[in-house]
Amino acid sequence: MRARLVSADGGPSIDLTKDMTLFGRDEDSDARLDHKSVSKLHCVIVKTDGLLLLRDLGSTNGTRVNGQRVRRAALLPNDTVAIANMKYVVKFGVELEKLENEEAAPKGGKKDADAHQLRRNALPDVYPEQKAPKG
């Protein structure tokens, strides 16, 4: 399965070529993100059975999926992933094919507004909200 994280900030995209991709500032990371907000070993994305599974590795600034800080989550096409302050859009399957067709098409054509529409991820393992004690 081919998958890619497309930068939402205009930076370079990250192709997920391995079954397990380690993200972080460390030199041995598969996807090295050289930014002070990224932990040395920040998170990992695993490709399995046609799914992308993300797991935060106890990073300081956290990993967010669609704006929600997560410990782990199943990623869907067009989900937004924020690794500390670096934002990406998940593309795989049909969505990646659409993206590649748009990139190959001549410039000046009308962009499909639905291609950038986001879907809520139904599967994240989120941090529980802190409730104020009564009294």
C-alpha atoms as a PDB file:
ATOM      1  CA  MET A   1       0.000   0.000   0.000  1.00  0.00           C
ATOM      2  CA  ARG A   2       1.318   3.406  -0.966  1.00  0.00           C
ATOM      3  CA  ALA A   3       0.805   6.276   1.463  1.00  0.00           C
ATOM      4  CA  ARG A   4       1.991   9.857   1.816  1.00  0.00           C
ATOM      5  CA  LEU A   5       1.835  12.669   4.364  1.00  0.00           C
ATOM      6  CA  VAL A   6       1.328  15.894   2.417  1.00  0.00           C
ATOM      7  CA  SER A   7       2.560  18.984   4.229  1.00  0.00           C
ATOM      8  CA  ALA A   8      -0.213  21.429   5.082  1.00  0.00           C
ATOM      9  CA  ASP A   9       2.420  24.145   5.632  1.00  0.00           C
ATOM     10  CA  GLY A  10       3.921  23.999   2.131  1.00  0.00           C
ATOM     11  CA  GLY A  11       6.926  21.905   3.174  1.00  0.00           C
ATOM     12  CA  PRO A  12       8.036  18.624   1.612  1.00  0.00           C
ATOM     13  CA  SER A  13       5.704  15.627   1.603  1.00  0.00           C
ATOM     14  CA  ILE A  14       6.732  12.374   3.297  1.00  0.00           C
ATOM     15  CA  ASP A  15       6.258   9.107   1.400  1.00  0.00           C
ATOM     16  CA  LEU A  16       5.594   6.205   3.765  1.00  0.00           C
ATOM     17  CA  THR A  17       7.568   3.524   1.921  1.00  0.00           C
ATOM     18  CA  LYS A  18       8.319   1.247   4.883  1.00  0.00           C
ATOM     19  CA  ASP A  19       5.855  -0.850   6.881  1.00  0.00           C
ATOM     20  CA  MET A  20       6.917   1.085   9.993  1.00  0.00           C
ATOM     21  CA  THR A  21       8.066   4.712   9.789  1.00  0.00           C
ATOM     22  CA  LEU A  22       9.635   6.389  12.832  1.00  0.00           C
ATOM     23  CA  PHE A  23       9.239  10.172  13.076  1.00  0.00           C
ATOM     24  CA  GLY A  24      11.479  12.363  15.190  1.00  0.00           C
ATOM     25  CA  ARG A  25      14.477  14.669  15.457  1.00  0.00           C
ATOM     26  CA  ASP A  26      16.912  11.774  16.003  1.00  0.00           C
ATOM     27  CA  GLU A  27      19.379  11.062  13.193  1.00  0.00           C
ATOM     28  CA  ASP A  28      18.225   7.421  13.061  1.00  0.00           C
ATOM     29  CA  SER A  29      14.564   8.366  12.454  1.00  0.00           C
ATOM     30  CA  ASP A  30      13.076   7.206   9.159  1.00  0.00           C
ATOM     31  CA  ALA A  31      11.386  10.598   8.714  1.00  0.00           C
ATOM     32  CA  ARG A  32      13.684  13.159  10.334  1.00  0.00           C
ATOM     33  CA  LEU A  33      11.819  16.341  11.302  1.00  0.00           C
ATOM     34  CA  ASP A  34      14.440  18.880  12.292  1.00  0.00           C
ATOM     35  CA  HIS A  35      12.375  21.271  14.399  1.00  0.00           C
ATOM     36  CA  LYS A  36      12.789  22.121  18.073  1.00  0.00           C
ATOM     37  CA  SER A  37       9.135  21.237  18.854  1.00  0.00           C
ATOM     38  CA  VAL A  38       9.607  17.634  17.636  1.00  0.00           C
ATOM     39  CA  SER A  39      10.862  15.052  20.153  1.00  0.00           C
ATOM     40  CA  LYS A  40      13.861  12.861  19.305  1.00  0.00           C
ATOM     41  CA  LEU A  41      11.558   9.837  19.062  1.00  0.00           C
ATOM     42  CA  HIS A  42       8.164  11.436  18.464  1.00  0.00           C
ATOM     43  CA  CYS A  43       5.761   8.939  16.879  1.00  0.00           C
ATOM     44  CA  VAL A  44       5.523   5.946  14.585  1.00  0.00           C
ATOM     45  CA  ILE A  45       3.157   5.114  11.708  1.00  0.00           C
ATOM     46  CA  VAL A  46       2.617   1.448  10.852  1.00  0.00           C
ATOM     47  CA  LYS A  47       1.051   0.182   7.618  1.00  0.00           C
ATOM     48  CA  THR A  48      -0.965  -2.994   8.198  1.00  0.00           C
ATOM     49  CA  ASP A  49      -3.914  -4.658   6.420  1.00  0.00           C
ATOM     50  CA  GLY A  50      -4.672  -1.563   4.343  1.00  0.00           C
ATOM     51  CA  LEU A  51      -4.671   0.698   7.413  1.00  0.00           C
ATOM     52  CA  LEU A  52      -2.323   3.330   8.784  1.00  0.00           C
ATOM     53  CA  LEU A  53      -1.920   3.164  12.555  1.00  0.00           C
ATOM     54  CA  LEU A  54      -0.250   6.040  14.417  1.00  0.00           C
ATOM     55  CA  ARG A  55       1.236   5.809  17.903  1.00  0.00           C
ATOM     56  CA  ASP A  56       2.735   8.672  19.890  1.00  0.00           C
ATOM     57  CA  LEU A  57       5.963   7.655  21.664  1.00  0.00           C
ATOM     58  CA  GLY A  58       5.493   9.840  24.745  1.00  0.00           C
ATOM     59  CA  SER A  59       6.480  13.028  22.940  1.00  0.00           C
ATOM     60  CA  THR A  60       6.647  16.330  24.819  1.00  0.00           C
ATOM     61  CA  ASN A  61       4.476  18.376  22.439  1.00  0.00           C
ATOM     62  CA  GLY A  62       2.185  15.542  21.404  1.00  0.00           C
ATOM     63  CA  THR A  63       0.673  14.210  18.223  1.00  0.00           C
ATOM     64  CA  ARG A  64      -2.765  15.337  17.068  1.00  0.00           C
ATOM     65  CA  VAL A  65      -5.205  13.782  14.620  1.00  0.00           C
ATOM     66  CA  ASN A  66      -7.864  16.189  13.338  1.00  0.00           C
ATOM     67  CA  GLY A  67      -6.999  18.575  16.187  1.00  0.00           C
ATOM     68  CA  GLN A  68      -7.380  15.973  18.972  1.00  0.00           C
ATOM     69  CA  ARG A  69      -4.266  14.954  20.919  1.00  0.00           C
ATOM     70  CA  VAL A  70      -3.901  11.164  20.733  1.00  0.00           C
ATOM     71  CA  ARG A  71      -1.774   8.348  22.094  1.00  0.00           C
ATOM     72  CA  ARG A  72      -2.727   6.162  19.152  1.00  0.00           C
ATOM     73  CA  ALA A  73      -5.170   6.357  16.255  1.00  0.00           C
ATOM     74  CA  ALA A  74      -6.169   4.695  13.003  1.00  0.00           C
ATOM     75  CA  LEU A  75      -5.618   7.189  10.184  1.00  0.00           C
ATOM     76  CA  LEU A  76      -8.126   7.701   7.376  1.00  0.00           C
ATOM     77  CA  PRO A  77      -7.532   9.448   4.039  1.00  0.00           C
ATOM     78  CA  ASN A  78      -7.649  13.257   4.426  1.00  0.00           C
ATOM     79  CA  ASP A  79      -7.095  13.150   8.204  1.00  0.00           C
ATOM     80  CA  THR A  80      -4.860  15.945   9.456  1.00  0.00           C
ATOM     81  CA  VAL A  81      -1.870  14.886  11.537  1.00  0.00           C
ATOM     82  CA  ALA A  82       0.108  17.384  13.601  1.00  0.00           C
ATOM     83  CA  ILE A  83       3.490  16.128  14.780  1.00  0.00           C
ATOM     84  CA  ALA A  84       4.234  18.809  17.379  1.00  0.00           C
ATOM     85  CA  ASN A  85       3.856  22.000  15.262  1.00  0.00           C
ATOM     86  CA  MET A  86       4.276  20.342  11.847  1.00  0.00           C
ATOM     87  CA  LYS A  87       0.992  19.648  10.053  1.00  0.00           C
ATOM     88  CA  TYR A  88       0.284  17.030   7.382  1.00  0.00           C
ATOM     89  CA  VAL A  89      -2.693  15.603   5.491  1.00  0.00           C
ATOM     90  CA  VAL A  90      -2.873  11.807   5.161  1.00  0.00           C
ATOM     91  CA  LYS A  91      -3.180  10.472   1.601  1.00  0.00           C
ATOM     92  CA  PHE A  92      -3.458   6.820   0.597  1.00  0.00           C
ATOM     93  CA  GLY A  93      -5.580   4.638  -1.635  1.00  0.00           C
ATOM     94  CA  VAL A  94      -8.010   6.526  -3.875  1.00  0.00           C
ATOM     95  CA  GLU A  95      -7.127   9.893  -2.281  1.00  0.00           C
ATOM     96  CA  LEU A  96      -3.419   9.459  -3.145  1.00  0.00           C
ATOM     97  CA  GLU A  97      -4.350   8.578  -6.741  1.00  0.00           C
ATOM     98  CA  LYS A  98      -6.501  11.739  -6.952  1.00  0.00           C
ATOM     99  CA  LEU A  99      -3.602  13.824  -5.613  1.00  0.00           C
ATOM    100  CA  GLU A 100      -1.158  12.359  -8.121  1.00  0.00           C
ATOM    101  CA  ASN A 101      -3.629  12.938 -10.985  1.00  0.00           C
ATOM    102  CA  GLU A 102      -4.060  16.580  -9.896  1.00  0.00           C
ATOM    103  CA  GLU A 103      -0.276  17.055  -9.774  1.00  0.00           C
ATOM    104  CA  ALA A 104       0.076  15.554 -13.277  1.00  0.00           C
ATOM    105  CA  ALA A 105      -2.789  17.650 -14.719  1.00  0.00           C
ATOM    106  CA  PRO A 106      -1.938  20.966 -16.393  1.00  0.00           C
ATOM    107  CA  LYS A 107      -2.050  24.025 -14.150  1.00  0.00           C
ATOM    108  CA  GLY A 108      -4.947  26.451 -14.306  1.00  0.00           C
ATOM    109  CA  GLY A 109      -7.705  23.855 -14.050  1.00  0.00           C
ATOM    110  CA  LYS A 110     -10.517  24.174 -11.507  1.00  0.00           C
ATOM    111  CA  LYS A 111      -9.630  22.482  -8.219  1.00  0.00           C
ATOM    112  CA  ASP A 112     -12.115  20.072  -6.730  1.00  0.00           C
ATOM    113  CA  ALA A 113     -13.275  21.571  -3.407  1.00  0.00           C
ATOM    114  CA  ASP A 114     -14.261  18.139  -2.082  1.00  0.00           C
ATOM    115  CA  ALA A 115     -10.653  16.896  -2.352  1.00  0.00           C
ATOM    116  CA  HIS A 116      -9.718  18.994   0.683  1.00  0.00           C
ATOM    117  CA  GLN A 117     -12.772  18.187   2.789  1.00  0.00           C
ATOM    118  CA  LEU A 118     -11.893  16.517   6.086  1.00  0.00           C
ATOM    119  CA  ARG A 119     -13.624  13.564   7.710  1.00  0.00           C
ATOM    120  CA  ARG A 120     -13.761  12.974  11.441  1.00  0.00           C
ATOM    121  CA  ASN A 121     -11.633  10.031  12.592  1.00  0.00           C
ATOM    122  CA  ALA A 122     -13.923   7.721  14.578  1.00  0.00           C
ATOM    123  CA  LEU A 123     -11.179   5.634  16.164  1.00  0.00           C
ATOM    124  CA  PRO A 124      -8.715   7.796  18.147  1.00  0.00           C
ATOM    125  CA  ASP A 125      -7.572   6.803  21.614  1.00  0.00           C
ATOM    126  CA  VAL A 126      -7.745  10.296  23.107  1.00  0.00           C
ATOM    127  CA  TYR A 127      -6.523  11.774  26.331  1.00  0.00           C
ATOM    128  CA  PRO A 128      -9.402  12.048  28.806  1.00  0.00           C
ATOM    129  CA  GLU A 129     -10.535  15.594  29.533  1.00  0.00           C
ATOM    130  CA  GLN A 130      -9.607  16.920  32.959  1.00  0.00           C
ATOM    131  CA  LYS A 131     -12.683  17.509  35.090  1.00  0.00           C
ATOM    132  CA  ALA A 132     -12.585  20.069  37.851  1.00  0.00           C
ATOM    133  CA  PRO A 133     -13.218  18.574  41.310  1.00  0.00           C
ATOM    134  CA  LYS A 134     -16.510  19.584  42.905  1.00  0.00           C
ATOM    135  CA  GLY A 135     -16.430  21.628  46.025  1.00  0.00           C
END
